[in-house]
N, C-alpha and C. Protein backbone atom coordinates (compact mmCIF):
# COMPACT_ATOMS: atom_id res chain seq x y z
N MET A 1 9.17 -8.03 -18.61
CA MET A 1 7.61 -6.91 -18.74
C MET A 1 7.11 -7.18 -17.74
N LYS A 2 6.38 -6.19 -16.67
CA LYS A 2 5.45 -7.20 -15.70
C LYS A 2 4.64 -6.77 -15.98
N LYS A 3 2.99 -7.74 -16.00
CA LYS A 3 1.62 -7.87 -16.79
C LYS A 3 0.68 -7.20 -15.23
N TYR A 4 1.40 -6.74 -14.65
CA TYR A 4 0.47 -6.87 -12.43
C TYR A 4 1.22 -5.69 -11.57
N ILE A 5 0.06 -4.60 -11.53
CA ILE A 5 0.45 -3.94 -10.26
C ILE A 5 0.28 -4.38 -9.08
N LEU A 6 0.44 -4.44 -7.73
CA LEU A 6 -0.40 -4.46 -6.82
C LEU A 6 0.25 -3.12 -5.80
N PHE A 7 -0.66 -2.41 -6.06
CA PHE A 7 -0.42 -0.93 -5.15
C PHE A 7 -0.89 -0.66 -3.36
N ASP A 8 -0.33 -0.41 -2.87
CA ASP A 8 -0.47 -0.09 -1.54
C ASP A 8 -1.51 1.33 -2.20
N HIS A 9 -1.78 1.69 -0.22
CA HIS A 9 -2.79 2.57 -0.75
C HIS A 9 -2.70 4.16 -0.19
N ASP A 10 -2.70 3.58 1.26
CA ASP A 10 -1.96 5.14 1.82
C ASP A 10 -0.57 5.08 1.88
N GLY A 11 -0.38 6.86 1.28
CA GLY A 11 0.86 7.01 0.72
C GLY A 11 1.16 7.27 -0.39
N VAL A 12 0.51 6.06 -1.20
CA VAL A 12 0.97 5.96 -2.81
C VAL A 12 0.26 6.59 -3.46
N LEU A 13 -1.01 6.21 -3.10
CA LEU A 13 -2.25 6.64 -4.39
C LEU A 13 -2.97 8.02 -3.49
N VAL A 14 -2.96 7.75 -2.23
CA VAL A 14 -3.43 9.49 -1.42
C VAL A 14 -2.42 9.28 -0.55
N ASP A 15 -3.04 10.95 0.10
CA ASP A 15 -2.13 11.30 0.63
C ASP A 15 -2.17 11.39 2.53
N THR A 16 -2.40 10.17 2.99
CA THR A 16 -3.11 10.18 4.36
C THR A 16 -2.66 9.68 5.38
N GLU A 17 -1.13 9.48 5.21
CA GLU A 17 -0.21 8.61 6.16
C GLU A 17 -0.08 9.54 7.58
N PHE A 18 0.20 10.89 7.31
CA PHE A 18 -0.20 11.58 8.34
C PHE A 18 -1.15 12.06 8.84
N TRP A 19 -2.40 12.12 8.11
CA TRP A 19 -3.59 12.53 8.72
C TRP A 19 -3.96 11.24 9.99
N TYR A 20 -3.73 10.34 9.68
CA TYR A 20 -4.20 8.96 10.38
C TYR A 20 -3.14 9.36 11.97
N TYR A 21 -1.78 9.35 11.63
CA TYR A 21 -1.09 9.65 12.92
C TYR A 21 -1.70 10.83 13.54
N LYS A 22 -2.04 12.03 12.94
CA LYS A 22 -2.75 12.77 13.17
C LYS A 22 -3.91 12.71 14.42
N ALA A 23 -4.79 11.85 13.75
CA ALA A 23 -6.36 11.67 14.03
C ALA A 23 -5.67 10.57 15.90
N GLY A 24 -4.82 9.97 15.52
CA GLY A 24 -4.13 8.95 16.69
C GLY A 24 -3.59 9.93 18.11
N GLU A 25 -2.97 11.09 17.02
CA GLU A 25 -2.24 11.81 18.37
C GLU A 25 -3.45 12.79 19.14
N ARG A 26 -4.12 13.34 18.47
CA ARG A 26 -5.40 14.27 18.81
C ARG A 26 -5.69 13.36 19.67
N ALA A 27 -6.29 11.72 19.74
CA ALA A 27 -7.04 10.96 20.63
C ALA A 27 -6.60 11.06 21.77
N LEU A 28 -4.95 10.19 21.55
CA LEU A 28 -4.53 10.49 22.47
C LEU A 28 -4.17 11.59 23.62
N ALA A 29 -4.17 12.94 22.90
CA ALA A 29 -3.92 14.07 23.70
C ALA A 29 -4.96 14.71 24.44
N GLU A 30 -6.13 13.73 24.32
CA GLU A 30 -7.69 13.92 25.23
C GLU A 30 -7.14 13.36 26.66
N ILE A 31 -6.83 12.23 26.83
CA ILE A 31 -6.19 11.32 27.64
C ILE A 31 -5.04 12.02 28.69
N GLY A 32 -4.06 12.72 28.10
CA GLY A 32 -3.25 13.55 28.51
C GLY A 32 -1.51 12.92 28.49
N PHE A 33 -1.48 11.88 26.99
CA PHE A 33 -0.57 11.07 26.29
C PHE A 33 -0.03 11.93 25.16
N THR A 34 1.46 12.15 25.20
CA THR A 34 1.90 12.62 24.07
C THR A 34 2.26 11.83 23.35
N LEU A 35 2.02 11.44 21.95
CA LEU A 35 2.31 10.75 21.35
C LEU A 35 3.99 11.10 20.52
N ASP A 36 4.80 10.39 20.24
CA ASP A 36 5.81 10.31 19.95
C ASP A 36 6.03 10.25 18.40
N ARG A 37 6.31 10.94 17.68
CA ARG A 37 5.87 10.75 16.21
C ARG A 37 7.39 9.72 16.12
N ASP A 38 8.57 10.05 16.27
CA ASP A 38 9.99 8.67 16.35
C ASP A 38 9.42 7.64 16.04
N GLN A 39 9.01 7.36 17.22
CA GLN A 39 8.42 6.08 17.84
C GLN A 39 7.73 5.60 16.93
N TYR A 40 6.59 6.62 16.85
CA TYR A 40 5.35 5.98 16.03
C TYR A 40 5.72 5.48 14.68
N LEU A 41 6.30 5.73 14.06
CA LEU A 41 7.29 5.59 12.70
C LEU A 41 8.30 4.40 12.97
N ARG A 42 8.95 4.02 14.07
CA ARG A 42 9.45 3.26 14.49
C ARG A 42 8.39 1.73 14.48
N ASP A 43 7.16 2.08 15.26
CA ASP A 43 6.65 1.02 15.37
C ASP A 43 5.67 0.71 14.60
N MET A 44 5.57 1.65 13.20
CA MET A 44 4.77 1.90 12.15
C MET A 44 5.36 0.51 11.23
N THR A 45 6.41 0.50 11.42
CA THR A 45 7.22 -0.78 10.68
C THR A 45 6.95 -2.47 10.91
N GLN A 46 6.11 -2.38 12.35
CA GLN A 46 6.16 -3.73 12.71
C GLN A 46 4.61 -3.79 13.01
N GLY A 47 4.05 -2.55 12.16
CA GLY A 47 2.44 -2.84 12.47
C GLY A 47 2.12 -2.19 13.13
N LEU A 48 2.44 -1.94 14.42
CA LEU A 48 1.79 -1.35 15.37
C LEU A 48 1.74 0.29 15.83
N ALA A 49 1.99 0.93 15.27
CA ALA A 49 1.85 2.58 15.85
C ALA A 49 1.02 2.83 17.00
N THR A 50 -0.23 3.58 16.56
CA THR A 50 -0.65 4.45 17.30
C THR A 50 -0.56 4.12 18.64
N TRP A 51 -0.84 2.67 19.17
CA TRP A 51 -1.33 2.21 20.50
C TRP A 51 -0.19 1.66 21.22
N ALA A 52 0.99 1.57 20.55
CA ALA A 52 1.88 0.85 21.00
C ALA A 52 2.26 1.67 22.18
N GLN A 53 3.00 3.27 21.86
CA GLN A 53 3.48 3.87 23.29
C GLN A 53 2.48 3.93 24.36
N ALA A 54 1.27 3.38 24.41
CA ALA A 54 -0.26 3.80 25.27
C ALA A 54 0.30 3.13 25.84
N ARG A 55 0.07 1.65 25.37
CA ARG A 55 -0.08 0.67 26.26
C ARG A 55 1.92 0.27 26.83
N ALA A 56 2.43 0.79 26.39
CA ALA A 56 4.23 0.63 27.21
C ALA A 56 3.91 1.53 28.12
N ALA A 57 2.49 2.46 27.93
CA ALA A 57 3.02 3.19 29.10
C ALA A 57 1.89 3.31 30.47
N GLY A 58 1.19 1.67 29.98
CA GLY A 58 0.08 1.67 31.29
C GLY A 58 -0.65 2.07 31.32
N ILE A 59 -1.19 2.26 30.09
CA ILE A 59 -2.70 3.16 29.67
C ILE A 59 -3.67 1.43 29.18
N ASP A 60 -4.58 1.52 29.98
CA ASP A 60 -5.46 0.19 30.09
C ASP A 60 -6.31 0.12 28.60
N GLU A 61 -6.66 -0.89 28.42
CA GLU A 61 -7.23 -1.71 27.30
C GLU A 61 -8.56 -0.92 26.93
N ARG A 62 -9.06 -0.45 28.24
CA ARG A 62 -10.60 -0.47 27.77
C ARG A 62 -10.63 1.23 27.35
N THR A 63 -9.46 2.17 27.91
CA THR A 63 -9.36 3.32 27.53
C THR A 63 -8.69 3.46 26.01
N ILE A 64 -7.58 2.30 26.06
CA ILE A 64 -7.51 2.45 24.36
C ILE A 64 -8.76 2.20 23.35
N GLY A 65 -9.40 1.41 23.65
CA GLY A 65 -10.33 1.04 23.16
C GLY A 65 -11.20 2.12 22.49
N ARG A 66 -11.52 2.84 23.91
CA ARG A 66 -12.70 3.76 23.44
C ARG A 66 -11.65 4.86 22.63
N GLN A 67 -10.66 5.33 23.01
CA GLN A 67 -9.69 6.24 22.36
C GLN A 67 -9.60 5.89 20.97
N ARG A 68 -9.65 4.64 20.77
CA ARG A 68 -9.29 3.79 19.41
C ARG A 68 -10.62 4.52 18.73
N GLU A 69 -11.94 4.38 18.81
CA GLU A 69 -13.55 4.87 18.22
C GLU A 69 -12.85 6.27 18.69
N VAL A 70 -12.41 7.55 19.14
CA VAL A 70 -12.05 8.56 18.98
C VAL A 70 -11.49 9.10 17.61
N ARG A 71 -10.10 8.41 17.59
CA ARG A 71 -9.32 8.13 16.61
C ARG A 71 -10.12 7.98 15.46
N ASN A 72 -10.51 7.21 15.21
CA ASN A 72 -11.57 6.93 13.57
C ASN A 72 -12.50 7.84 13.57
N ASP A 73 -13.08 8.60 14.52
CA ASP A 73 -14.27 9.75 14.33
C ASP A 73 -12.90 10.84 13.85
N TYR A 74 -12.22 11.19 14.35
CA TYR A 74 -10.90 12.29 13.98
C TYR A 74 -10.66 12.16 12.12
N TYR A 75 -9.96 10.34 12.30
CA TYR A 75 -9.70 9.92 11.02
C TYR A 75 -10.55 10.48 9.74
N GLN A 76 -11.69 10.02 9.81
CA GLN A 76 -12.42 10.31 9.34
C GLN A 76 -12.56 11.47 8.35
N GLU A 77 -13.15 12.23 10.04
CA GLU A 77 -13.30 14.07 9.79
C GLU A 77 -11.83 14.26 8.55
N TYR A 78 -10.81 14.11 9.13
CA TYR A 78 -9.81 14.43 8.57
C TYR A 78 -9.50 14.20 6.67
N LEU A 79 -9.91 12.51 6.64
CA LEU A 79 -10.26 12.44 4.98
C LEU A 79 -11.13 13.25 4.52
N ARG A 80 -12.14 13.48 4.80
CA ARG A 80 -13.60 14.57 4.44
C ARG A 80 -12.89 16.00 4.12
N THR A 81 -12.33 15.98 5.27
CA THR A 81 -12.25 17.76 4.81
C THR A 81 -10.25 18.10 4.80
N GLU A 82 -9.93 16.93 4.57
CA GLU A 82 -8.22 18.01 4.10
C GLU A 82 -8.14 17.12 2.97
N ALA A 83 -7.02 17.98 2.11
CA ALA A 83 -6.33 17.70 0.68
C ALA A 83 -5.18 16.43 0.39
N ILE A 84 -6.52 15.40 0.44
CA ILE A 84 -5.14 13.77 0.22
C ILE A 84 -4.67 13.67 -0.88
N GLU A 85 -5.22 14.42 -2.05
CA GLU A 85 -4.42 14.08 -3.69
C GLU A 85 -3.32 14.35 -3.88
N ILE A 86 -2.71 13.12 -4.51
CA ILE A 86 -1.22 13.19 -4.73
C ILE A 86 -1.36 13.41 -6.21
N GLU A 87 -0.84 14.68 -6.62
CA GLU A 87 -0.33 15.16 -7.75
C GLU A 87 -0.47 13.85 -9.16
N GLY A 88 -0.86 14.09 -10.02
CA GLY A 88 -0.51 12.76 -10.99
C GLY A 88 -1.02 12.08 -11.27
N VAL A 89 -1.38 11.23 -9.67
CA VAL A 89 -1.58 9.72 -9.47
C VAL A 89 -2.95 9.36 -10.55
N VAL A 90 -4.12 10.15 -11.30
CA VAL A 90 -4.86 9.65 -11.61
C VAL A 90 -4.46 9.64 -12.83
N GLU A 91 -3.55 10.30 -13.35
CA GLU A 91 -2.75 10.55 -15.20
C GLU A 91 -1.94 9.18 -14.86
N ALA A 92 -1.19 8.86 -13.81
CA ALA A 92 -0.01 7.54 -14.15
C ALA A 92 -1.18 6.41 -14.28
N LEU A 93 -2.33 6.51 -13.10
CA LEU A 93 -2.96 5.41 -13.86
C LEU A 93 -3.49 5.04 -14.95
N ALA A 94 -4.02 6.09 -15.80
CA ALA A 94 -4.69 5.95 -16.72
C ALA A 94 -3.80 5.72 -17.93
N GLU A 95 -2.31 6.09 -17.62
CA GLU A 95 -1.18 5.30 -18.52
C GLU A 95 -0.60 3.40 -18.33
N LEU A 96 -0.43 3.47 -17.01
CA LEU A 96 -0.18 2.57 -16.72
C LEU A 96 -1.32 1.18 -16.95
N SER A 97 -2.41 1.56 -16.83
CA SER A 97 -3.69 0.69 -17.27
C SER A 97 -3.37 0.25 -18.79
N LYS A 98 -2.95 0.76 -19.82
CA LYS A 98 -3.13 0.47 -21.01
C LYS A 98 -1.82 -0.88 -21.58
N TYR A 99 -0.93 -1.08 -20.04
CA TYR A 99 0.19 -1.97 -20.02
C TYR A 99 0.03 -3.16 -19.03
N VAL A 100 -0.55 -2.89 -18.38
CA VAL A 100 -1.18 -3.86 -16.85
C VAL A 100 -2.01 -4.22 -16.38
N ARG A 101 -2.79 -5.06 -15.63
CA ARG A 101 -3.70 -5.12 -14.45
C ARG A 101 -3.22 -4.49 -13.16
N MET A 102 -4.06 -3.81 -12.41
CA MET A 102 -3.68 -3.45 -11.43
C MET A 102 -4.81 -3.62 -10.24
N ALA A 103 -4.71 -4.00 -9.05
CA ALA A 103 -5.29 -3.63 -8.12
C ALA A 103 -4.82 -3.13 -6.72
N ILE A 104 -5.52 -2.69 -5.50
CA ILE A 104 -4.98 -2.58 -4.12
C ILE A 104 -5.18 -3.29 -3.17
N VAL A 105 -3.52 -3.12 -2.83
CA VAL A 105 -4.05 -4.22 -1.45
C VAL A 105 -3.34 -3.32 -0.14
N THR A 106 -4.48 -3.19 0.60
CA THR A 106 -4.79 -1.59 1.61
C THR A 106 -4.72 -2.27 3.36
N THR A 107 -4.26 -1.92 3.80
CA THR A 107 -5.03 -1.65 5.51
C THR A 107 -5.46 -1.29 5.87
N SER A 108 -5.86 -0.31 4.89
CA SER A 108 -7.19 0.79 5.21
C SER A 108 -8.66 -0.29 5.77
N LYS A 109 -9.33 -0.14 6.68
CA LYS A 109 -10.51 -0.82 6.69
C LYS A 109 -11.68 0.03 5.23
N ARG A 110 -12.38 -0.74 5.23
CA ARG A 110 -13.37 -0.82 4.15
C ARG A 110 -14.15 0.73 4.42
N VAL A 111 -14.30 0.74 5.01
CA VAL A 111 -15.61 2.29 5.22
C VAL A 111 -14.59 3.09 5.52
N ASP A 112 -13.24 3.40 5.36
CA ASP A 112 -12.25 4.75 5.40
C ASP A 112 -11.82 4.78 4.18
N PHE A 113 -11.49 3.27 3.33
CA PHE A 113 -11.50 3.54 2.02
C PHE A 113 -12.59 4.27 1.03
N GLU A 114 -13.56 3.84 1.47
CA GLU A 114 -15.14 3.94 0.59
C GLU A 114 -15.33 5.61 0.45
N ILE A 115 -14.69 6.30 1.85
CA ILE A 115 -14.78 7.71 2.45
C ILE A 115 -14.21 7.97 1.35
N ILE A 116 -12.22 8.13 1.27
CA ILE A 116 -11.82 8.52 0.68
C ILE A 116 -12.26 8.49 -0.98
N HIS A 117 -12.07 7.42 -1.58
CA HIS A 117 -12.58 7.05 -2.84
C HIS A 117 -14.47 8.10 -3.38
N GLU A 118 -14.87 8.03 -2.50
CA GLU A 118 -16.62 8.84 -2.68
C GLU A 118 -16.72 9.63 -3.95
N LYS A 119 -15.29 10.66 -4.19
CA LYS A 119 -15.85 11.59 -5.49
C LYS A 119 -13.81 11.50 -6.21
N ARG A 120 -13.51 10.43 -5.93
CA ARG A 120 -12.53 10.29 -6.26
C ARG A 120 -12.39 9.08 -7.72
N GLN A 121 -11.60 9.24 -8.43
CA GLN A 121 -11.17 8.43 -9.55
C GLN A 121 -10.40 7.02 -10.17
N ILE A 122 -10.00 6.99 -8.63
CA ILE A 122 -9.02 5.61 -8.38
C ILE A 122 -9.18 4.78 -8.71
N LYS A 123 -10.55 4.46 -8.46
CA LYS A 123 -10.75 2.67 -8.33
C LYS A 123 -11.16 2.14 -9.86
N GLN A 124 -11.97 3.27 -10.78
CA GLN A 124 -11.95 2.87 -12.21
C GLN A 124 -10.61 1.72 -12.63
N PHE A 125 -9.58 2.09 -12.03
CA PHE A 125 -8.12 1.31 -13.05
C PHE A 125 -8.02 0.44 -12.51
N MET A 126 -8.98 -0.14 -11.27
CA MET A 126 -8.41 -1.34 -10.50
C MET A 126 -9.39 -2.41 -10.94
N ASP A 127 -8.53 -3.63 -10.99
CA ASP A 127 -9.60 -5.14 -10.83
C ASP A 127 -10.25 -5.18 -10.08
N PHE A 128 -9.74 -4.99 -8.88
CA PHE A 128 -10.34 -5.06 -7.52
C PHE A 128 -9.50 -4.62 -6.06
N ILE A 129 -10.34 -4.64 -4.84
CA ILE A 129 -10.00 -3.97 -3.44
C ILE A 129 -9.43 -4.95 -2.86
N LEU A 130 -8.07 -4.96 -1.84
CA LEU A 130 -8.76 -5.65 -1.18
C LEU A 130 -8.14 -4.98 0.25
N ALA A 131 -9.02 -5.02 1.29
CA ALA A 131 -8.72 -3.87 2.34
C ALA A 131 -8.66 -4.83 3.51
N ARG A 132 -8.72 -4.45 4.55
CA ARG A 132 -8.35 -5.10 5.86
C ARG A 132 -8.72 -6.20 6.32
N GLU A 133 -10.41 -6.00 5.63
CA GLU A 133 -11.21 -6.99 6.42
C GLU A 133 -11.21 -8.62 5.33
N ASP A 134 -10.23 -8.14 4.65
CA ASP A 134 -10.25 -9.54 3.39
C ASP A 134 -8.96 -9.88 3.66
N TYR A 135 -8.47 -10.45 4.42
CA TYR A 135 -7.43 -11.22 4.67
C TYR A 135 -7.30 -11.02 6.77
N ASP A 136 -6.20 -12.10 6.98
CA ASP A 136 -6.13 -12.10 8.47
C ASP A 136 -5.03 -11.62 9.01
N LEU A 137 -3.72 -11.89 8.35
CA LEU A 137 -2.62 -11.12 8.65
C LEU A 137 -2.06 -9.77 7.99
N ALA A 138 -2.36 -9.19 8.93
CA ALA A 138 -1.40 -8.07 8.05
C ALA A 138 -0.15 -7.33 7.95
N LYS A 139 0.12 -6.45 6.80
CA LYS A 139 1.50 -6.12 6.46
C LYS A 139 1.71 -6.06 8.04
N PRO A 140 3.50 -6.00 7.86
CA PRO A 140 4.69 -6.92 7.18
C PRO A 140 4.35 -8.39 6.86
N HIS A 141 3.72 -9.14 7.69
CA HIS A 141 3.20 -10.59 7.16
C HIS A 141 2.82 -10.24 5.40
N PRO A 142 3.25 -11.68 4.71
CA PRO A 142 2.91 -11.66 3.82
C PRO A 142 1.89 -12.06 2.85
N GLU A 143 0.84 -12.01 3.85
CA GLU A 143 -0.68 -12.51 3.45
C GLU A 143 -1.18 -12.33 2.43
N PRO A 144 -1.14 -10.31 3.17
CA PRO A 144 -2.09 -9.76 1.94
C PRO A 144 -1.77 -9.32 0.40
N TYR A 145 -0.02 -9.34 0.50
CA TYR A 145 0.17 -9.91 -1.08
C TYR A 145 0.06 -10.95 -1.93
N LEU A 146 0.33 -12.15 -0.85
CA LEU A 146 -0.24 -13.00 -1.23
C LEU A 146 -1.44 -13.88 -1.88
N THR A 147 -2.46 -12.90 -1.25
CA THR A 147 -3.79 -13.20 -1.38
C THR A 147 -4.22 -12.05 -2.83
N GLY A 148 -3.63 -11.10 -2.75
CA GLY A 148 -3.56 -10.68 -4.07
C GLY A 148 -3.45 -11.03 -5.31
N LEU A 149 -1.87 -11.92 -5.33
CA LEU A 149 -1.16 -12.65 -6.56
C LEU A 149 -2.64 -13.81 -6.78
N LYS A 150 -3.19 -14.39 -5.39
CA LYS A 150 -4.09 -15.36 -6.07
C LYS A 150 -5.37 -14.86 -6.67
N ARG A 151 -5.87 -13.56 -6.29
CA ARG A 151 -6.95 -13.38 -6.79
C ARG A 151 -6.79 -13.03 -8.48
N LEU A 152 -5.48 -12.21 -8.39
CA LEU A 152 -5.43 -11.87 -10.01
C LEU A 152 -5.05 -13.03 -10.64
N GLY A 153 -4.51 -14.13 -10.29
CA GLY A 153 -4.25 -15.23 -10.65
C GLY A 153 -2.83 -15.16 -11.76
N ALA A 154 -1.75 -14.56 -10.47
CA ALA A 154 -0.53 -13.80 -11.43
C ALA A 154 0.52 -14.88 -10.45
N THR A 155 1.33 -14.70 -11.20
CA THR A 155 2.81 -15.06 -10.61
C THR A 155 3.43 -14.11 -9.67
N LYS A 156 4.09 -14.69 -8.74
CA LYS A 156 5.26 -13.54 -8.71
C LYS A 156 6.25 -12.85 -9.21
N GLU A 157 6.94 -13.60 -10.50
CA GLU A 157 7.44 -12.75 -11.21
C GLU A 157 6.62 -11.60 -11.94
N GLU A 158 5.98 -12.10 -12.78
CA GLU A 158 5.01 -11.28 -13.25
C GLU A 158 4.05 -9.84 -12.87
N THR A 159 4.43 -9.82 -11.26
CA THR A 159 4.27 -9.20 -10.83
C THR A 159 4.92 -8.00 -9.81
N LEU A 160 4.81 -6.53 -10.06
CA LEU A 160 5.36 -5.63 -9.03
C LEU A 160 4.71 -4.73 -8.17
N VAL A 161 4.99 -4.94 -6.74
CA VAL A 161 3.82 -3.65 -5.68
C VAL A 161 4.64 -2.52 -5.76
N VAL A 162 3.85 -2.06 -5.59
CA VAL A 162 3.97 -0.04 -4.85
C VAL A 162 4.10 0.13 -3.64
N GLU A 163 4.96 0.61 -3.38
CA GLU A 163 4.95 0.99 -1.54
C GLU A 163 5.17 2.22 -1.19
N ASP A 164 5.13 2.31 -0.16
CA ASP A 164 5.85 3.97 0.55
C ASP A 164 6.42 3.51 1.98
N SER A 165 6.13 2.35 2.64
CA SER A 165 7.02 2.02 3.86
C SER A 165 7.47 0.65 4.13
N SER A 166 8.48 0.92 5.28
CA SER A 166 9.08 -0.52 4.95
C SER A 166 8.35 -1.79 5.57
N ARG A 167 7.20 -1.10 6.42
CA ARG A 167 6.41 -2.34 6.60
C ARG A 167 5.59 -3.20 5.36
N GLY A 168 5.02 -2.23 4.46
CA GLY A 168 5.00 -2.90 3.17
C GLY A 168 5.78 -3.55 2.44
N LEU A 169 6.65 -2.98 2.07
CA LEU A 169 8.15 -3.46 1.79
C LEU A 169 8.56 -4.87 2.19
N ASN A 170 8.51 -4.83 3.65
CA ASN A 170 8.76 -6.22 4.13
C ASN A 170 7.51 -7.32 3.56
N SER A 171 6.52 -6.74 3.75
CA SER A 171 5.54 -7.93 3.29
C SER A 171 5.44 -8.27 1.73
N ALA A 172 5.81 -7.52 0.71
CA ALA A 172 6.31 -7.88 -0.18
C ALA A 172 7.51 -8.50 -0.52
N VAL A 173 8.60 -8.40 0.30
CA VAL A 173 9.57 -9.02 -0.04
C VAL A 173 9.30 -10.63 0.57
N ALA A 174 8.56 -10.79 1.73
CA ALA A 174 8.43 -11.77 2.72
C ALA A 174 7.65 -12.04 1.56
N ALA A 175 6.66 -12.28 0.36
CA ALA A 175 5.89 -12.69 -0.58
C ALA A 175 6.67 -13.38 -2.51
N GLY A 176 7.89 -12.57 -1.80
CA GLY A 176 8.86 -13.21 -2.87
C GLY A 176 8.09 -11.97 -4.11
N ILE A 177 7.72 -10.94 -3.90
CA ILE A 177 7.84 -10.11 -5.16
C ILE A 177 8.25 -8.63 -4.87
N ASP A 178 8.76 -8.11 -6.23
CA ASP A 178 9.63 -7.12 -6.33
C ASP A 178 8.71 -5.88 -5.88
N CYS A 179 9.07 -4.75 -5.55
CA CYS A 179 8.62 -3.91 -4.96
C CYS A 179 9.56 -2.25 -5.57
N ALA A 180 8.48 -1.64 -5.77
CA ALA A 180 9.29 -0.12 -5.91
C ALA A 180 8.54 0.46 -4.95
N ILE A 181 9.55 1.56 -4.14
CA ILE A 181 9.39 1.89 -3.21
C ILE A 181 9.29 3.78 -4.04
N VAL A 182 7.91 4.49 -3.25
CA VAL A 182 7.49 5.77 -4.12
C VAL A 182 7.92 6.82 -3.12
N TYR A 183 8.02 7.50 -3.06
CA TYR A 183 8.63 9.06 -2.07
C TYR A 183 7.42 9.31 -1.63
N ASN A 184 7.50 9.38 0.04
CA ASN A 184 6.57 10.08 1.17
C ASN A 184 7.40 10.50 1.76
N ASP A 185 7.16 11.90 2.14
CA ASP A 185 8.25 12.35 3.04
C ASP A 185 7.50 12.17 4.31
N PHE A 186 6.45 11.48 4.49
CA PHE A 186 5.96 11.13 6.36
C PHE A 186 7.27 9.60 6.49
N THR A 187 7.48 8.55 5.57
CA THR A 187 8.02 7.15 5.72
C THR A 187 9.18 7.65 4.78
N LYS A 188 9.83 8.74 5.13
CA LYS A 188 11.16 8.73 4.19
C LYS A 188 12.45 8.38 4.81
N ALA A 189 12.41 7.97 5.93
CA ALA A 189 13.28 7.56 6.98
C ALA A 189 13.05 5.94 7.42
N HIS A 190 12.26 5.35 6.74
CA HIS A 190 12.33 3.97 6.35
C HIS A 190 13.58 3.57 5.78
N ASP A 191 13.60 2.20 6.47
CA ASP A 191 14.86 1.57 6.19
C ASP A 191 14.33 0.92 4.62
N PHE A 192 14.15 1.65 3.05
CA PHE A 192 14.17 0.42 2.17
C PHE A 192 15.06 0.10 1.13
N THR A 193 16.15 -0.63 1.88
CA THR A 193 17.18 -1.00 1.40
C THR A 193 16.73 -2.55 0.52
N GLN A 194 15.53 -2.90 0.96
CA GLN A 194 15.49 -4.10 -0.05
C GLN A 194 14.41 -3.85 -1.14
N ALA A 195 14.34 -2.64 -1.45
CA ALA A 195 13.56 -2.36 -2.33
C ALA A 195 14.26 -3.06 -3.38
N SER A 196 13.08 -3.02 -4.58
CA SER A 196 14.13 -3.32 -5.81
C SER A 196 14.12 -2.12 -7.13
N TYR A 197 13.31 -0.57 -6.73
CA TYR A 197 12.87 0.09 -7.18
C TYR A 197 13.09 1.25 -5.95
N ARG A 198 13.34 2.77 -6.32
CA ARG A 198 13.01 4.06 -5.93
C ARG A 198 12.74 4.49 -7.03
N ILE A 199 11.39 5.14 -6.68
CA ILE A 199 10.72 6.03 -7.40
C ILE A 199 10.15 7.38 -6.88
N GLU A 200 10.25 8.80 -7.49
CA GLU A 200 9.54 9.86 -6.82
C GLU A 200 7.88 9.88 -7.23
N THR A 201 7.67 9.80 -8.35
CA THR A 201 6.57 9.52 -8.48
C THR A 201 5.82 8.29 -9.67
N LEU A 202 4.80 8.19 -9.50
CA LEU A 202 4.16 6.75 -10.29
C LEU A 202 4.36 6.49 -11.82
N ILE A 203 4.49 7.59 -12.73
CA ILE A 203 4.28 7.78 -13.74
C ILE A 203 6.30 7.02 -13.91
N GLU A 204 6.68 7.19 -13.20
CA GLU A 204 8.33 6.40 -13.61
C GLU A 204 7.84 4.62 -13.23
N LEU A 205 7.09 4.03 -12.94
CA LEU A 205 6.39 2.67 -13.12
C LEU A 205 6.65 2.46 -14.50
N LYS A 206 6.27 3.15 -15.36
CA LYS A 206 5.64 2.81 -16.53
C LYS A 206 7.52 2.21 -17.64
N ASP A 207 7.93 3.20 -17.23
CA ASP A 207 9.38 2.46 -17.55
C ASP A 207 10.09 1.06 -17.27
N ILE A 208 9.65 1.17 -15.53
CA ILE A 208 10.23 -0.02 -15.07
C ILE A 208 8.92 -1.38 -15.63
N ILE A 209 8.54 -1.13 -15.83
CA ILE A 209 7.10 -2.63 -16.21
C ILE A 209 7.49 -2.75 -17.78
N ILE A 210 7.88 -1.84 -18.60
CA ILE A 210 8.21 -2.14 -20.04
C ILE A 210 9.49 -2.38 -20.10
N ASP A 211 10.85 -1.97 -19.06
CA ASP A 211 12.17 -2.45 -19.52
C ASP A 211 12.46 -3.53 -18.31
N VAL A 212 11.27 -4.13 -17.65
CA VAL A 212 12.01 -5.70 -16.58
C VAL A 212 11.88 -6.69 -17.67
N THR A 213 12.04 -7.73 -17.67
CA THR A 213 11.94 -8.86 -18.44
C THR A 213 11.94 -10.09 -17.74
């Protein structure tokens, strides 16, 4: 039985992956650049995503820096106005909390995370939140999940990571932690061959944590 779960956030607990992409697409369109979705998804696996294509096209860093701020504003607008709930998440967390301790390890900036959770019930089930400001190297580097293990006081064997992207999966694998991939339509084409489990919804984690010895 697993004793701890480390959750990714975007695409796992809230449906925000698409809106982050759309915010970047919108910001780049303002300077006449079309963000290619398929390339974005490939870049995302390396932790690059929005600005890699712009740099490759020769857009200068000053312009990128300006449009990054524009993207951030658009993203926060979407977080406040779009439907980003994933059905059944709160109910699943309530059930899982009877069996395991849980925490979130996210690449989201804390300001975005707090906007998302102003009126949601997810944080109450978590021991702590690690946002992007809480570690040096982002996924796919193992540091985020190793930091989470240390904070929990947990061993790798006792812990399960839940992710929706190959970037996050690679982070978990590099940290030596079993990883369950939950279905997300935006990242469904990623390579998940290293995943220990594949699930459709979070409530399926109950069977995994109880059955694993």
